[in-house]
């Protein structure tokens, strides 16, 4: 019976939606600068191309990674480092 309860709990977890977002960098713009942006404008980010990107799950930083181009010209992320703070909060 305990095995069945554990299996049901795992199935419930597997069905939970998680929003994943990847932050490539940030930029600070004044409103007048933002309003002047048009098609083809380039906004320079405060990050180098060699810097890792931050990966968030439900707005919580969970990992860092590298941007990769997958087949079909899609963009993906390779995880390179798990953020240790997620381990500290898991037991609480």
PDB file of N, CA and C in Angstrom:
ATOM      1  N   UNK A   1       0.819  -1.199   0.000  1.00  0.00           N
ATOM      2  CA  UNK A   1       0.000   0.000   0.000  1.00  0.00           C
ATOM      3  C   UNK A   1       0.866   1.268   0.000  1.00  0.00           C
ATOM      4  N   UNK A   2       1.967   1.244   0.774  1.00  0.00           N
ATOM      5  CA  UNK A   2       2.852   2.411   0.832  1.00  0.00           C
ATOM      6  C   UNK A   2       3.491   2.670  -0.522  1.00  0.00           C
ATOM      7  N   UNK A   3       3.835   1.603  -1.249  1.00  0.00           N
ATOM      8  CA  UNK A   3       4.415   1.765  -2.582  1.00  0.00           C
ATOM      9  C   UNK A   3       3.431   2.438  -3.522  1.00  0.00           C
ATOM     10  N   UNK A   4       2.167   2.074  -3.426  1.00  0.00           N
ATOM     11  CA  UNK A   4       1.124   2.658  -4.278  1.00  0.00           C
ATOM     12  C   UNK A   4       0.948   4.140  -3.968  1.00  0.00           C
ATOM     13  N   UNK A   5       0.969   4.517  -2.670  1.00  0.00           N
ATOM     14  CA  UNK A   5       0.846   5.922  -2.275  1.00  0.00           C
ATOM     15  C   UNK A   5       2.024   6.737  -2.796  1.00  0.00           C
ATOM     16  N   UNK A   6       3.227   6.159  -2.714  1.00  0.00           N
ATOM     17  CA  UNK A   6       4.412   6.856  -3.211  1.00  0.00           C
ATOM     18  C   UNK A   6       4.323   7.031  -4.722  1.00  0.00           C
ATOM     19  N   UNK A   7       3.855   6.027  -5.421  1.00  0.00           N
ATOM     20  CA  UNK A   7       3.716   6.114  -6.877  1.00  0.00           C
ATOM     21  C   UNK A   7       2.687   7.176  -7.262  1.00  0.00           C
ATOM     22  N   UNK A   8       1.570   7.247  -6.517  1.00  0.00           N
ATOM     23  CA  UNK A   8       0.554   8.270  -6.776  1.00  0.00           C
ATOM     24  C   UNK A   8       1.116   9.671  -6.538  1.00  0.00           C
ATOM     25  N   UNK A   9       1.926   9.817  -5.483  1.00  0.00           N
ATOM     26  CA  UNK A   9       2.541  11.121  -5.190  1.00  0.00           C
ATOM     27  C   UNK A   9       3.489  11.533  -6.307  1.00  0.00           C
ATOM     28  N   UNK A  10       4.264  10.590  -6.802  1.00  0.00           N
ATOM     29  CA  UNK A  10       5.189  10.892  -7.889  1.00  0.00           C
ATOM     30  C   UNK A  10       4.428  11.281  -9.148  1.00  0.00           C
ATOM     31  N   UNK A  11       3.360  10.587  -9.447  1.00  0.00           N
ATOM     32  CA  UNK A  11       2.559  10.920 -10.626  1.00  0.00           C
ATOM     33  C   UNK A  11       1.990  12.328 -10.519  1.00  0.00           C
ATOM     34  N   UNK A  12       1.568  12.733  -9.329  1.00  0.00           N
ATOM     35  CA  UNK A  12       1.035  14.084  -9.130  1.00  0.00           C
ATOM     36  C   UNK A  12       2.113  15.125  -9.390  1.00  0.00           C
ATOM     37  N   UNK A  13       3.332  14.857  -8.960  1.00  0.00           N
ATOM     38  CA  UNK A  13       4.435  15.795  -9.171  1.00  0.00           C
ATOM     39  C   UNK A  13       4.766  15.904 -10.648  1.00  0.00           C
ATOM     40  N   UNK A  14       4.736  14.800 -11.356  1.00  0.00           N
ATOM     41  CA  UNK A  14       5.083  14.808 -12.777  1.00  0.00           C
ATOM     42  C   UNK A  14       4.115  15.645 -13.597  1.00  0.00           C
ATOM     43  N   UNK A  15       2.919  15.902 -13.093  1.00  0.00           N
ATOM     44  CA  UNK A  15       1.908  16.655 -13.836  1.00  0.00           C
ATOM     45  C   UNK A  15       1.883  18.137 -13.487  1.00  0.00           C
ATOM     46  N   UNK A  16       2.797  18.605 -12.655  1.00  0.00           N
ATOM     47  CA  UNK A  16       2.851  20.014 -12.265  1.00  0.00           C
ATOM     48  C   UNK A  16       3.554  20.811 -13.360  1.00  0.00           C
ATOM     49  N   UNK A  17       2.929  21.899 -13.799  1.00  0.00           N
ATOM     50  CA  UNK A  17       3.541  22.781 -14.796  1.00  0.00           C
ATOM     51  C   UNK A  17       4.599  23.663 -14.136  1.00  0.00           C
ATOM     52  N   UNK A  18       5.720  23.823 -14.811  1.00  0.00           N
ATOM     53  CA  UNK A  18       6.807  24.673 -14.343  1.00  0.00           C
ATOM     54  C   UNK A  18       7.164  25.620 -15.483  1.00  0.00           C
ATOM     55  N   UNK A  19       7.178  26.913 -15.194  1.00  0.00           N
ATOM     56  CA  UNK A  19       7.573  27.912 -16.191  1.00  0.00           C
ATOM     57  C   UNK A  19       9.088  28.068 -16.149  1.00  0.00           C
ATOM     58  N   UNK A  20       9.738  27.815 -17.274  1.00  0.00           N
ATOM     59  CA  UNK A  20      11.186  27.954 -17.391  1.00  0.00           C
ATOM     60  C   UNK A  20      11.487  29.213 -18.194  1.00  0.00           C
ATOM     61  N   UNK A  21      12.384  30.036 -17.679  1.00  0.00           N
ATOM     62  CA  UNK A  21      12.811  31.220 -18.419  1.00  0.00           C
ATOM     63  C   UNK A  21      14.331  31.316 -18.355  1.00  0.00           C
ATOM     64  N   UNK A  22      14.891  31.888 -19.395  1.00  0.00           N
ATOM     65  CA  UNK A  22      16.342  32.036 -19.506  1.00  0.00           C
ATOM     66  C   UNK A  22      16.644  33.513 -19.725  1.00  0.00           C
ATOM     67  N   UNK A  23      17.523  34.055 -18.901  1.00  0.00           N
ATOM     68  CA  UNK A  23      17.888  35.465 -19.001  1.00  0.00           C
ATOM     69  C   UNK A  23      19.231  35.558 -19.705  1.00  0.00           C
ATOM     70  N   UNK A  24      19.213  36.188 -20.869  1.00  0.00           N
ATOM     71  CA  UNK A  24      20.437  36.368 -21.650  1.00  0.00           C
ATOM     72  C   UNK A  24      21.249  37.556 -21.158  1.00  0.00           C
ATOM     73  N   UNK A  25      20.594  38.525 -20.566  1.00  0.00           N
ATOM     74  CA  UNK A  25      21.263  39.722 -20.085  1.00  0.00           C
ATOM     75  C   UNK A  25      20.239  40.789 -19.773  1.00  0.00           C
ATOM     76  N   UNK A  26      20.707  41.929 -19.328  1.00  0.00           N
ATOM     77  CA  UNK A  26      19.822  43.034 -18.974  1.00  0.00           C
ATOM     78  C   UNK A  26      20.376  44.331 -19.548  1.00  0.00           C
ATOM     79  N   UNK A  27      19.479  45.298 -19.662  1.00  0.00           N
ATOM     80  CA  UNK A  27      19.877  46.631 -20.115  1.00  0.00           C
ATOM     81  C   UNK A  27      19.000  47.655 -19.414  1.00  0.00           C
ATOM     82  N   UNK A  28      19.568  48.800 -19.116  1.00  0.00           N
ATOM     83  CA  UNK A  28      18.815  49.901 -18.542  1.00  0.00           C
ATOM     84  C   UNK A  28      18.621  50.959 -19.606  1.00  0.00           C
ATOM     85  N   UNK A  29      17.362  51.285 -19.874  1.00  0.00           N
ATOM     86  CA  UNK A  29      17.035  52.313 -20.859  1.00  0.00           C
ATOM     87  C   UNK A  29      16.101  53.331 -20.220  1.00  0.00           C
ATOM     88  N   UNK A  30      16.242  54.568 -20.626  1.00  0.00           N
ATOM     89  CA  UNK A  30      15.277  55.595 -20.242  1.00  0.00           C
ATOM     90  C   UNK A  30      14.056  55.454 -21.140  1.00  0.00           C
ATOM     91  N   UNK A  31      12.927  55.923 -20.672  1.00  0.00           N
ATOM     92  CA  UNK A  31      11.682  55.798 -21.434  1.00  0.00           C
ATOM     93  C   UNK A  31      11.823  56.421 -22.815  1.00  0.00           C
ATOM     94  N   UNK A  32      12.465  57.578 -22.907  1.00  0.00           N
ATOM     95  CA  UNK A  32      12.606  58.218 -24.228  1.00  0.00           C
ATOM     96  C   UNK A  32      13.463  57.369 -25.168  1.00  0.00           C
ATOM     97  N   UNK A  33      14.455  56.648 -24.623  1.00  0.00           N
ATOM     98  CA  UNK A  33      15.266  55.752 -25.447  1.00  0.00           C
ATOM     99  C   UNK A  33      14.431  54.561 -25.913  1.00  0.00           C
ATOM    100  N   UNK A  34      13.616  54.054 -25.018  1.00  0.00           N
ATOM    101  CA  UNK A  34      12.752  52.924 -25.345  1.00  0.00           C
ATOM    102  C   UNK A  34      11.756  53.287 -26.440  1.00  0.00           C
ATOM    103  N   UNK A  35      11.201  54.480 -26.355  1.00  0.00           N
ATOM    104  CA  UNK A  35      10.216  54.919 -27.347  1.00  0.00           C
ATOM    105  C   UNK A  35      10.833  55.144 -28.723  1.00  0.00           C
ATOM    106  N   UNK A  36      12.128  55.391 -28.774  1.00  0.00           N
ATOM    107  CA  UNK A  36      12.807  55.610 -30.052  1.00  0.00           C
ATOM    108  C   UNK A  36      13.194  54.314 -30.754  1.00  0.00           C
ATOM    109  N   UNK A  37      13.092  53.185 -30.064  1.00  0.00           N
ATOM    110  CA  UNK A  37      13.464  51.908 -30.679  1.00  0.00           C
ATOM    111  C   UNK A  37      12.500  51.565 -31.805  1.00  0.00           C
ATOM    112  N   UNK A  38      13.038  51.071 -32.860  1.00  0.00           N
ATOM    113  CA  UNK A  38      12.225  50.652 -33.996  1.00  0.00           C
ATOM    114  C   UNK A  38      12.683  49.286 -34.480  1.00  0.00           C
ATOM    115  N   UNK A  39      12.053  48.835 -35.522  1.00  0.00           N
ATOM    116  CA  UNK A  39      12.413  47.542 -36.109  1.00  0.00           C
ATOM    117  C   UNK A  39      13.892  47.532 -36.481  1.00  0.00           C
ATOM    118  N   UNK A  40      14.579  46.489 -36.080  1.00  0.00           N
ATOM    119  CA  UNK A  40      16.004  46.355 -36.382  1.00  0.00           C
ATOM    120  C   UNK A  40      16.919  47.011 -35.364  1.00  0.00           C
ATOM    121  N   UNK A  41      16.331  47.672 -34.362  1.00  0.00           N
ATOM    122  CA  UNK A  41      17.163  48.304 -33.338  1.00  0.00           C
ATOM    123  C   UNK A  41      17.893  47.243 -32.525  1.00  0.00           C
ATOM    124  N   UNK A  42      19.085  47.573 -32.088  1.00  0.00           N
ATOM    125  CA  UNK A  42      19.884  46.660 -31.273  1.00  0.00           C
ATOM    126  C   UNK A  42      20.014  47.264 -29.883  1.00  0.00           C
ATOM    127  N   UNK A  43      19.664  46.474 -28.880  1.00  0.00           N
ATOM    128  CA  UNK A  43      19.821  46.890 -27.489  1.00  0.00           C
ATOM    129  C   UNK A  43      21.002  46.101 -26.925  1.00  0.00           C
ATOM    130  N   UNK A  44      22.033  46.806 -26.541  1.00  0.00           N
ATOM    131  CA  UNK A  44      23.224  46.161 -26.005  1.00  0.00           C
ATOM    132  C   UNK A  44      22.962  45.731 -24.565  1.00  0.00           C
ATOM    133  N   UNK A  45      23.260  44.464 -24.266  1.00  0.00           N
ATOM    134  CA  UNK A  45      23.034  43.913 -22.939  1.00  0.00           C
ATOM    135  C   UNK A  45      24.295  44.023 -22.094  1.00  0.00           C
ATOM    136  N   UNK A  46      24.111  43.997 -20.786  1.00  0.00           N
ATOM    137  CA  UNK A  46      25.233  44.092 -19.850  1.00  0.00           C
ATOM    138  C   UNK A  46      25.849  42.711 -19.616  1.00  0.00           C
ATOM    139  N   UNK A  47      26.093  41.983 -20.674  1.00  0.00           N
ATOM    140  CA  UNK A  47      26.649  40.636 -20.561  1.00  0.00           C
ATOM    141  C   UNK A  47      27.433  40.332 -21.831  1.00  0.00           C
ATOM    142  N   UNK A  48      28.531  39.611 -21.660  1.00  0.00           N
ATOM    143  CA  UNK A  48      29.320  39.203 -22.815  1.00  0.00           C
ATOM    144  C   UNK A  48      28.779  37.891 -23.371  1.00  0.00           C
ATOM    145  N   UNK A  49      29.107  37.613 -24.614  1.00  0.00           N
ATOM    146  CA  UNK A  49      28.629  36.380 -25.233  1.00  0.00           C
ATOM    147  C   UNK A  49      29.203  35.140 -24.556  1.00  0.00           C
ATOM    148  N   UNK A  50      30.333  35.287 -23.891  1.00  0.00           N
ATOM    149  CA  UNK A  50      30.946  34.144 -23.219  1.00  0.00           C
ATOM    150  C   UNK A  50      30.390  33.899 -21.814  1.00  0.00           C
ATOM    151  N   UNK A  51      29.610  34.850 -21.280  1.00  0.00           N
ATOM    152  CA  UNK A  51      29.041  34.707 -19.944  1.00  0.00           C
ATOM    153  C   UNK A  51      27.907  33.682 -19.951  1.00  0.00           C
ATOM    154  N   UNK A  52      27.749  32.935 -18.844  1.00  0.00           N
ATOM    155  CA  UNK A  52      26.629  31.987 -18.778  1.00  0.00           C
ATOM    156  C   UNK A  52      25.296  32.716 -18.655  1.00  0.00           C
ATOM    157  N   UNK A  53      24.242  32.077 -19.133  1.00  0.00           N
ATOM    158  CA  UNK A  53      22.892  32.618 -18.982  1.00  0.00           C
ATOM    159  C   UNK A  53      22.302  32.066 -17.695  1.00  0.00           C
ATOM    160  N   UNK A  54      21.321  32.769 -17.134  1.00  0.00           N
ATOM    161  CA  UNK A  54      20.659  32.324 -15.914  1.00  0.00           C
ATOM    162  C   UNK A  54      19.363  31.620 -16.277  1.00  0.00           C
ATOM    163  N   UNK A  55      19.104  30.488 -15.615  1.00  0.00           N
ATOM    164  CA  UNK A  55      17.916  29.684 -15.893  1.00  0.00           C
ATOM    165  C   UNK A  55      17.033  29.696 -14.646  1.00  0.00           C
ATOM    166  N   UNK A  56      15.781  30.098 -14.842  1.00  0.00           N
ATOM    167  CA  UNK A  56      14.830  30.214 -13.745  1.00  0.00           C
ATOM    168  C   UNK A  56      13.691  29.217 -13.915  1.00  0.00           C
ATOM    169  N   UNK A  57      13.226  28.647 -12.805  1.00  0.00           N
ATOM    170  CA  UNK A  57      12.021  27.825 -12.783  1.00  0.00           C
ATOM    171  C   UNK A  57      11.046  28.521 -11.846  1.00  0.00           C
ATOM    172  N   UNK A  58       9.902  28.937 -12.388  1.00  0.00           N
ATOM    173  CA  UNK A  58       8.918  29.699 -11.604  1.00  0.00           C
ATOM    174  C   UNK A  58       9.580  30.865 -10.868  1.00  0.00           C
ATOM    175  N   UNK A  59      10.381  31.634 -11.580  1.00  0.00           N
ATOM    176  CA  UNK A  59      11.052  32.840 -11.072  1.00  0.00           C
ATOM    177  C   UNK A  59      12.096  32.576  -9.994  1.00  0.00           C
ATOM    178  N   UNK A  60      12.555  31.337  -9.860  1.00  0.00           N
ATOM    179  CA  UNK A  60      13.618  30.994  -8.908  1.00  0.00           C
ATOM    180  C   UNK A  60      14.839  30.551  -9.710  1.00  0.00           C
ATOM    181  N   UNK A  61      15.984  31.185  -9.448  1.00  0.00           N
ATOM    182  CA  UNK A  61      17.214  30.818 -10.143  1.00  0.00           C
ATOM    183  C   UNK A  61      17.597  29.400  -9.751  1.00  0.00           C
ATOM    184  N   UNK A  62      17.706  28.514 -10.748  1.00  0.00           N
ATOM    185  CA  UNK A  62      18.024  27.113 -10.460  1.00  0.00           C
ATOM    186  C   UNK A  62      19.336  26.658 -11.085  1.00  0.00           C
ATOM    187  N   UNK A  63      19.768  27.345 -12.149  1.00  0.00           N
ATOM    188  CA  UNK A  63      20.963  26.867 -12.858  1.00  0.00           C
ATOM    189  C   UNK A  63      21.532  27.966 -13.731  1.00  0.00           C
ATOM    190  N   UNK A  64      22.708  27.681 -14.256  1.00  0.00           N
ATOM    191  CA  UNK A  64      23.338  28.526 -15.269  1.00  0.00           C
ATOM    192  C   UNK A  64      23.651  27.640 -16.452  1.00  0.00           C
ATOM    193  N   UNK A  65      23.768  28.240 -17.623  1.00  0.00           N
ATOM    194  CA  UNK A  65      24.001  27.426 -18.805  1.00  0.00           C
ATOM    195  C   UNK A  65      24.557  28.228 -19.957  1.00  0.00           C
ATOM    196  N   UNK A  66      24.651  27.541 -21.091  1.00  0.00           N
ATOM    197  CA  UNK A  66      25.157  28.154 -22.322  1.00  0.00           C
ATOM    198  C   UNK A  66      24.105  28.035 -23.409  1.00  0.00           C
ATOM    199  N   UNK A  67      23.996  29.071 -24.219  1.00  0.00           N
ATOM    200  CA  UNK A  67      23.064  29.069 -25.337  1.00  0.00           C
ATOM    201  C   UNK A  67      23.636  28.210 -26.453  1.00  0.00           C
ATOM    202  N   UNK A  68      22.788  27.371 -27.044  1.00  0.00           N
ATOM    203  CA  UNK A  68      23.196  26.527 -28.169  1.00  0.00           C
ATOM    204  C   UNK A  68      22.146  26.642 -29.266  1.00  0.00           C
ATOM    205  N   UNK A  69      22.578  26.431 -30.503  1.00  0.00           N
ATOM    206  CA  UNK A  69      21.662  26.383 -31.635  1.00  0.00           C
ATOM    207  C   UNK A  69      21.398  24.914 -31.932  1.00  0.00           C
ATOM    208  N   UNK A  70      20.127  24.529 -31.896  1.00  0.00           N
ATOM    209  CA  UNK A  70      19.768  23.134 -32.126  1.00  0.00           C
ATOM    210  C   UNK A  70      19.402  22.939 -33.595  1.00  0.00           C
ATOM    211  N   UNK A  71      19.062  21.713 -33.945  1.00  0.00           N
ATOM    212  CA  UNK A  71      18.673  21.439 -35.334  1.00  0.00           C
ATOM    213  C   UNK A  71      17.413  22.240 -35.671  1.00  0.00           C
ATOM    214  N   UNK A  72      17.325  22.669 -36.878  1.00  0.00           N
ATOM    215  CA  UNK A  72      16.180  23.475 -37.292  1.00  0.00           C
ATOM    216  C   UNK A  72      16.282  24.927 -36.873  1.00  0.00           C
ATOM    217  N   UNK A  73      17.494  25.393 -36.550  1.00  0.00           N
ATOM    218  CA  UNK A  73      17.732  26.786 -36.175  1.00  0.00           C
ATOM    219  C   UNK A  73      16.957  27.232 -34.945  1.00  0.00           C
ATOM    220  N   UNK A  74      16.683  26.325 -34.032  1.00  0.00           N
ATOM    221  CA  UNK A  74      16.043  26.687 -32.767  1.00  0.00           C
ATOM    222  C   UNK A  74      17.126  26.964 -31.735  1.00  0.00           C
ATOM    223  N   UNK A  75      16.781  27.745 -30.741  1.00  0.00           N
ATOM    224  CA  UNK A  75      17.717  28.083 -29.675  1.00  0.00           C
ATOM    225  C   UNK A  75      17.428  27.193 -28.477  1.00  0.00           C
ATOM    226  N   UNK A  76      18.480  26.691 -27.860  1.00  0.00           N
ATOM    227  CA  UNK A  76      18.359  25.875 -26.664  1.00  0.00           C
ATOM    228  C   UNK A  76      19.379  26.311 -25.629  1.00  0.00           C
ATOM    229  N   UNK A  77      19.331  25.668 -24.474  1.00  0.00           N
ATOM    230  CA  UNK A  77      20.267  25.976 -23.399  1.00  0.00           C
ATOM    231  C   UNK A  77      20.821  24.673 -22.848  1.00  0.00           C
ATOM    232  N   UNK A  78      22.134  24.619 -22.702  1.00  0.00           N
ATOM    233  CA  UNK A  78      22.791  23.490 -22.062  1.00  0.00           C
ATOM    234  C   UNK A  78      23.081  23.871 -20.616  1.00  0.00           C
ATOM    235  N   UNK A  79      22.619  23.057 -19.662  1.00  0.00           N
ATOM    236  CA  UNK A  79      22.897  23.329 -18.253  1.00  0.00           C
ATOM    237  C   UNK A  79      24.360  23.054 -17.968  1.00  0.00           C
ATOM    238  N   UNK A  80      25.022  24.018 -17.344  1.00  0.00           N
ATOM    239  CA  UNK A  80      26.436  23.845 -17.015  1.00  0.00           C
ATOM    240  C   UNK A  80      26.676  23.851 -15.513  1.00  0.00           C
ATOM    241  N   UNK A  81      25.725  24.398 -14.749  1.00  0.00           N
ATOM    242  CA  UNK A  81      25.930  24.517 -13.305  1.00  0.00           C
ATOM    243  C   UNK A  81      24.581  24.631 -12.610  1.00  0.00           C
ATOM    244  N   UNK A  82      24.342  23.794 -11.606  1.00  0.00           N
ATOM    245  CA  UNK A  82      23.152  23.942 -10.774  1.00  0.00           C
ATOM    246  C   UNK A  82      23.473  24.930  -9.669  1.00  0.00           C
ATOM    247  N   UNK A  83      22.524  25.784  -9.345  1.00  0.00           N
ATOM    248  CA  UNK A  83      22.735  26.784  -8.302  1.00  0.00           C
ATOM    249  C   UNK A  83      22.522  26.122  -6.955  1.00  0.00           C
ATOM    250  N   UNK A  84      23.489  26.247  -6.061  1.00  0.00           N
ATOM    251  CA  UNK A  84      23.458  25.539  -4.789  1.00  0.00           C
ATOM    252  C   UNK A  84      22.324  25.973  -3.876  1.00  0.00           C
ATOM    253  N   UNK A  85      21.832  27.179  -4.026  1.00  0.00           N
ATOM    254  CA  UNK A  85      20.774  27.662  -3.119  1.00  0.00           C
ATOM    255  C   UNK A  85      19.510  26.824  -3.220  1.00  0.00           C
ATOM    256  N   UNK A  86      19.283  26.142  -4.335  1.00  0.00           N
ATOM    257  CA  UNK A  86      18.077  25.314  -4.445  1.00  0.00           C
ATOM    258  C   UNK A  86      18.178  24.108  -3.540  1.00  0.00           C
ATOM    259  N   UNK A  87      19.382  23.650  -3.242  1.00  0.00           N
ATOM    260  CA  UNK A  87      19.539  22.527  -2.338  1.00  0.00           C
ATOM    261  C   UNK A  87      19.230  22.941  -0.899  1.00  0.00           C
ATOM    262  N   UNK A  88      19.568  24.171  -0.553  1.00  0.00           N
ATOM    263  CA  UNK A  88      19.351  24.646   0.824  1.00  0.00           C
ATOM    264  C   UNK A  88      17.883  24.794   1.149  1.00  0.00           C
ATOM    265  N   UNK A  89      17.055  25.110   0.168  1.00  0.00           N
ATOM    266  CA  UNK A  89      15.633  25.329   0.433  1.00  0.00           C
ATOM    267  C   UNK A  89      14.821  24.064   0.241  1.00  0.00           C
ATOM    268  N   UNK A  90      15.384  23.016  -0.343  1.00  0.00           N
ATOM    269  CA  UNK A  90      14.625  21.800  -0.633  1.00  0.00           C
ATOM    270  C   UNK A  90      14.187  21.085   0.628  1.00  0.00           C
ATOM    271  N   UNK A  91      14.979  21.132   1.682  1.00  0.00           N
ATOM    272  CA  UNK A  91      14.637  20.424   2.898  1.00  0.00           C
ATOM    273  C   UNK A  91      13.755  21.205   3.846  1.00  0.00           C
ATOM    274  N   UNK A  92      13.438  22.446   3.519  1.00  0.00           N
ATOM    275  CA  UNK A  92      12.655  23.301   4.417  1.00  0.00           C
ATOM    276  C   UNK A  92      11.193  23.237   4.119  1.00  0.00           C
TER     277      UNK A  92
END
